[in-house]
Amino acid sequence: MKVRTGKLILWALVALVVVVSTPRSIPAATVGKARLPGRYEFFNPGKAVRELGLPQTPARVALRKAVEWYRSRGYAP
């Protein structure tokens, strides 16, 4: 079984962070967080649209509006 080097490094870092963290601190990396990039998740907004009437904005429009908002407030060049 081949193990990709990047995955091996990720798991080693997670183990190190979990071991080094104290009971009073929340570790930045956990086993659950390390598993997330390997998961494929799909979210369907159909129920929110049907039951709550939430609008569907195309991704390009939403991104353009977000960039405009950040620029208008001086957060982005």
N, C-alpha and C. Protein backbone atom coordinates (compact mmCIF):
# COMPACT_ATOMS: atom_id res chain seq x y z
N MET A 1 0.84 -1.18 0.00
CA MET A 1 0.00 0.00 0.00
C MET A 1 0.88 1.24 0.00
N LYS A 2 0.68 2.08 -0.99
CA LYS A 2 1.47 3.30 -1.08
C LYS A 2 0.85 4.39 -0.22
N VAL A 3 1.69 5.13 0.46
CA VAL A 3 1.23 6.28 1.23
C VAL A 3 1.92 7.50 0.66
N ARG A 4 1.10 8.47 0.28
CA ARG A 4 1.69 9.68 -0.28
C ARG A 4 2.45 10.43 0.80
N THR A 5 3.56 11.01 0.42
CA THR A 5 4.42 11.71 1.36
C THR A 5 3.68 12.86 2.04
N GLY A 6 2.89 13.61 1.29
CA GLY A 6 2.15 14.73 1.87
C GLY A 6 1.20 14.29 2.96
N LYS A 7 0.52 13.18 2.73
CA LYS A 7 -0.43 12.66 3.70
C LYS A 7 0.31 12.21 4.97
N LEU A 8 1.45 11.57 4.76
CA LEU A 8 2.25 11.10 5.88
C LEU A 8 2.74 12.28 6.72
N ILE A 9 3.18 13.33 6.07
CA ILE A 9 3.63 14.53 6.78
C ILE A 9 2.47 15.16 7.53
N LEU A 10 1.31 15.24 6.90
CA LEU A 10 0.13 15.81 7.56
C LEU A 10 -0.20 15.06 8.83
N TRP A 11 -0.25 13.75 8.76
CA TRP A 11 -0.60 12.95 9.94
C TRP A 11 0.46 13.07 11.03
N ALA A 12 1.73 13.17 10.63
CA ALA A 12 2.79 13.35 11.62
C ALA A 12 2.65 14.69 12.33
N LEU A 13 2.34 15.73 11.58
CA LEU A 13 2.14 17.05 12.19
C LEU A 13 0.93 17.07 13.10
N VAL A 14 -0.14 16.44 12.70
CA VAL A 14 -1.35 16.36 13.54
C VAL A 14 -1.02 15.66 14.84
N ALA A 15 -0.32 14.55 14.76
CA ALA A 15 0.05 13.80 15.97
C ALA A 15 0.90 14.67 16.88
N LEU A 16 1.84 15.39 16.31
CA LEU A 16 2.71 16.26 17.11
C LEU A 16 1.92 17.37 17.79
N VAL A 17 1.01 18.01 17.06
CA VAL A 17 0.22 19.10 17.63
C VAL A 17 -0.68 18.58 18.75
N VAL A 18 -1.30 17.44 18.54
CA VAL A 18 -2.19 16.89 19.56
C VAL A 18 -1.40 16.51 20.81
N VAL A 19 -0.23 15.94 20.65
CA VAL A 19 0.60 15.54 21.79
C VAL A 19 1.11 16.76 22.55
N VAL A 20 1.49 17.80 21.84
CA VAL A 20 2.08 18.99 22.46
C VAL A 20 1.03 19.89 23.10
N SER A 21 -0.19 19.86 22.63
CA SER A 21 -1.21 20.76 23.17
C SER A 21 -1.51 20.41 24.63
N THR A 22 -1.81 21.42 25.39
CA THR A 22 -2.12 21.23 26.80
C THR A 22 -3.62 21.05 26.97
N PRO A 23 -4.05 20.53 28.11
CA PRO A 23 -5.49 20.35 28.32
C PRO A 23 -6.27 21.66 28.27
N ARG A 24 -5.62 22.77 28.55
CA ARG A 24 -6.31 24.06 28.55
C ARG A 24 -6.34 24.72 27.18
N SER A 25 -5.60 24.19 26.22
CA SER A 25 -5.58 24.80 24.90
C SER A 25 -6.28 23.88 23.89
N ILE A 26 -6.84 24.50 22.88
CA ILE A 26 -7.49 23.76 21.81
C ILE A 26 -6.47 23.57 20.70
N PRO A 27 -6.17 22.33 20.32
CA PRO A 27 -5.17 22.13 19.26
C PRO A 27 -5.64 22.68 17.92
N ALA A 28 -4.73 23.29 17.19
CA ALA A 28 -5.05 23.85 15.88
C ALA A 28 -5.32 22.75 14.86
N ALA A 29 -4.70 21.61 15.04
CA ALA A 29 -4.89 20.48 14.14
C ALA A 29 -5.39 19.30 14.94
N THR A 30 -6.40 18.66 14.44
CA THR A 30 -6.94 17.45 15.08
C THR A 30 -7.11 16.38 14.02
N VAL A 31 -7.35 15.17 14.46
CA VAL A 31 -7.54 14.07 13.51
C VAL A 31 -8.76 14.35 12.62
N GLY A 32 -9.82 14.88 13.20
CA GLY A 32 -11.01 15.20 12.42
C GLY A 32 -10.75 16.24 11.35
N LYS A 33 -9.99 17.28 11.71
CA LYS A 33 -9.65 18.32 10.73
C LYS A 33 -8.74 17.77 9.64
N ALA A 34 -7.87 16.86 9.99
CA ALA A 34 -6.95 16.30 8.99
C ALA A 34 -7.68 15.43 7.98
N ARG A 35 -8.81 14.86 8.37
CA ARG A 35 -9.58 14.02 7.45
C ARG A 35 -10.43 14.83 6.47
N LEU A 36 -10.74 16.07 6.79
CA LEU A 36 -11.65 16.87 5.96
C LEU A 36 -11.21 17.03 4.51
N PRO A 37 -9.92 17.35 4.21
CA PRO A 37 -9.57 17.55 2.79
C PRO A 37 -9.79 16.32 1.92
N GLY A 38 -9.81 15.14 2.48
CA GLY A 38 -10.00 13.94 1.69
C GLY A 38 -11.45 13.59 1.44
N ARG A 39 -12.36 14.35 2.02
CA ARG A 39 -13.78 14.05 1.88
C ARG A 39 -14.40 14.87 0.75
N TYR A 40 -15.31 14.24 0.05
CA TYR A 40 -16.08 14.96 -0.96
C TYR A 40 -17.44 15.23 -0.36
N GLU A 41 -17.80 16.48 -0.27
CA GLU A 41 -19.08 16.84 0.30
C GLU A 41 -19.86 17.70 -0.68
N PHE A 42 -21.14 17.44 -0.75
CA PHE A 42 -22.01 18.18 -1.64
C PHE A 42 -23.16 18.70 -0.81
N PHE A 43 -23.46 19.97 -0.95
CA PHE A 43 -24.54 20.58 -0.20
C PHE A 43 -25.61 21.05 -1.18
N ASN A 44 -26.84 20.67 -0.92
CA ASN A 44 -27.94 21.03 -1.77
C ASN A 44 -28.78 22.10 -1.06
N PRO A 45 -28.87 23.31 -1.64
CA PRO A 45 -29.63 24.38 -1.00
C PRO A 45 -31.13 24.31 -1.28
N GLY A 46 -31.59 23.25 -1.90
CA GLY A 46 -33.00 23.14 -2.30
C GLY A 46 -34.00 23.38 -1.18
N LYS A 47 -33.74 22.80 -0.01
CA LYS A 47 -34.68 22.94 1.11
C LYS A 47 -34.74 24.39 1.60
N ALA A 48 -33.58 25.06 1.67
CA ALA A 48 -33.56 26.46 2.10
C ALA A 48 -34.30 27.34 1.09
N VAL A 49 -34.16 27.04 -0.17
CA VAL A 49 -34.86 27.81 -1.20
C VAL A 49 -36.36 27.58 -1.12
N ARG A 50 -36.75 26.32 -0.99
CA ARG A 50 -38.18 25.97 -0.93
C ARG A 50 -38.85 26.51 0.32
N GLU A 51 -38.27 26.21 1.47
CA GLU A 51 -38.96 26.51 2.72
C GLU A 51 -38.73 27.92 3.25
N LEU A 52 -37.58 28.50 2.93
CA LEU A 52 -37.27 29.82 3.45
C LEU A 52 -37.28 30.91 2.39
N GLY A 53 -37.33 30.49 1.13
CA GLY A 53 -37.34 31.46 0.04
C GLY A 53 -36.02 32.18 -0.14
N LEU A 54 -34.93 31.54 0.26
CA LEU A 54 -33.61 32.16 0.10
C LEU A 54 -33.25 32.25 -1.38
N PRO A 55 -32.69 33.37 -1.80
CA PRO A 55 -32.35 33.52 -3.22
C PRO A 55 -31.11 32.71 -3.58
N GLN A 56 -31.02 32.34 -4.84
CA GLN A 56 -29.83 31.65 -5.36
C GLN A 56 -29.04 32.64 -6.19
N THR A 57 -27.84 32.95 -5.75
CA THR A 57 -26.97 33.88 -6.47
C THR A 57 -25.87 33.07 -7.15
N PRO A 58 -25.65 33.27 -8.45
CA PRO A 58 -24.56 32.57 -9.12
C PRO A 58 -23.22 32.91 -8.45
N ALA A 59 -22.30 31.95 -8.44
CA ALA A 59 -21.01 32.12 -7.76
C ALA A 59 -20.25 33.35 -8.27
N ARG A 60 -20.25 33.59 -9.58
CA ARG A 60 -19.53 34.75 -10.14
C ARG A 60 -20.09 36.06 -9.61
N VAL A 61 -21.41 36.14 -9.52
CA VAL A 61 -22.06 37.36 -9.03
C VAL A 61 -21.73 37.56 -7.55
N ALA A 62 -21.83 36.49 -6.76
CA ALA A 62 -21.55 36.59 -5.33
C ALA A 62 -20.10 36.99 -5.09
N LEU A 63 -19.17 36.42 -5.85
CA LEU A 63 -17.76 36.75 -5.70
C LEU A 63 -17.50 38.20 -6.09
N ARG A 64 -18.12 38.65 -7.19
CA ARG A 64 -17.95 40.04 -7.62
C ARG A 64 -18.46 41.01 -6.56
N LYS A 65 -19.62 40.70 -5.99
CA LYS A 65 -20.19 41.56 -4.95
C LYS A 65 -19.30 41.58 -3.70
N ALA A 66 -18.74 40.43 -3.36
CA ALA A 66 -17.86 40.37 -2.19
C ALA A 66 -16.59 41.20 -2.42
N VAL A 67 -16.00 41.10 -3.61
CA VAL A 67 -14.81 41.89 -3.92
C VAL A 67 -15.13 43.38 -3.89
N GLU A 68 -16.26 43.75 -4.45
CA GLU A 68 -16.67 45.16 -4.41
C GLU A 68 -16.84 45.65 -2.98
N TRP A 69 -17.43 44.82 -2.12
CA TRP A 69 -17.64 45.19 -0.72
C TRP A 69 -16.30 45.41 -0.02
N TYR A 70 -15.35 44.48 -0.22
CA TYR A 70 -14.04 44.62 0.41
C TYR A 70 -13.31 45.85 -0.10
N ARG A 71 -13.38 46.10 -1.41
CA ARG A 71 -12.71 47.27 -1.98
C ARG A 71 -13.32 48.57 -1.46
N SER A 72 -14.64 48.62 -1.37
CA SER A 72 -15.30 49.85 -0.93
C SER A 72 -14.96 50.20 0.52
N ARG A 73 -14.56 49.24 1.29
CA ARG A 73 -14.20 49.47 2.69
C ARG A 73 -12.70 49.52 2.92
N GLY A 74 -11.94 49.44 1.85
CA GLY A 74 -10.48 49.55 1.95
C GLY A 74 -9.76 48.30 2.43
N TYR A 75 -10.45 47.16 2.42
CA TYR A 75 -9.82 45.91 2.85
C TYR A 75 -9.02 45.24 1.73
N ALA A 76 -9.27 45.62 0.49
CA ALA A 76 -8.57 45.01 -0.65
C ALA A 76 -8.23 46.12 -1.64
N PRO A 77 -7.12 45.96 -2.34
CA PRO A 77 -6.73 46.99 -3.34
C PRO A 77 -7.63 46.97 -4.56
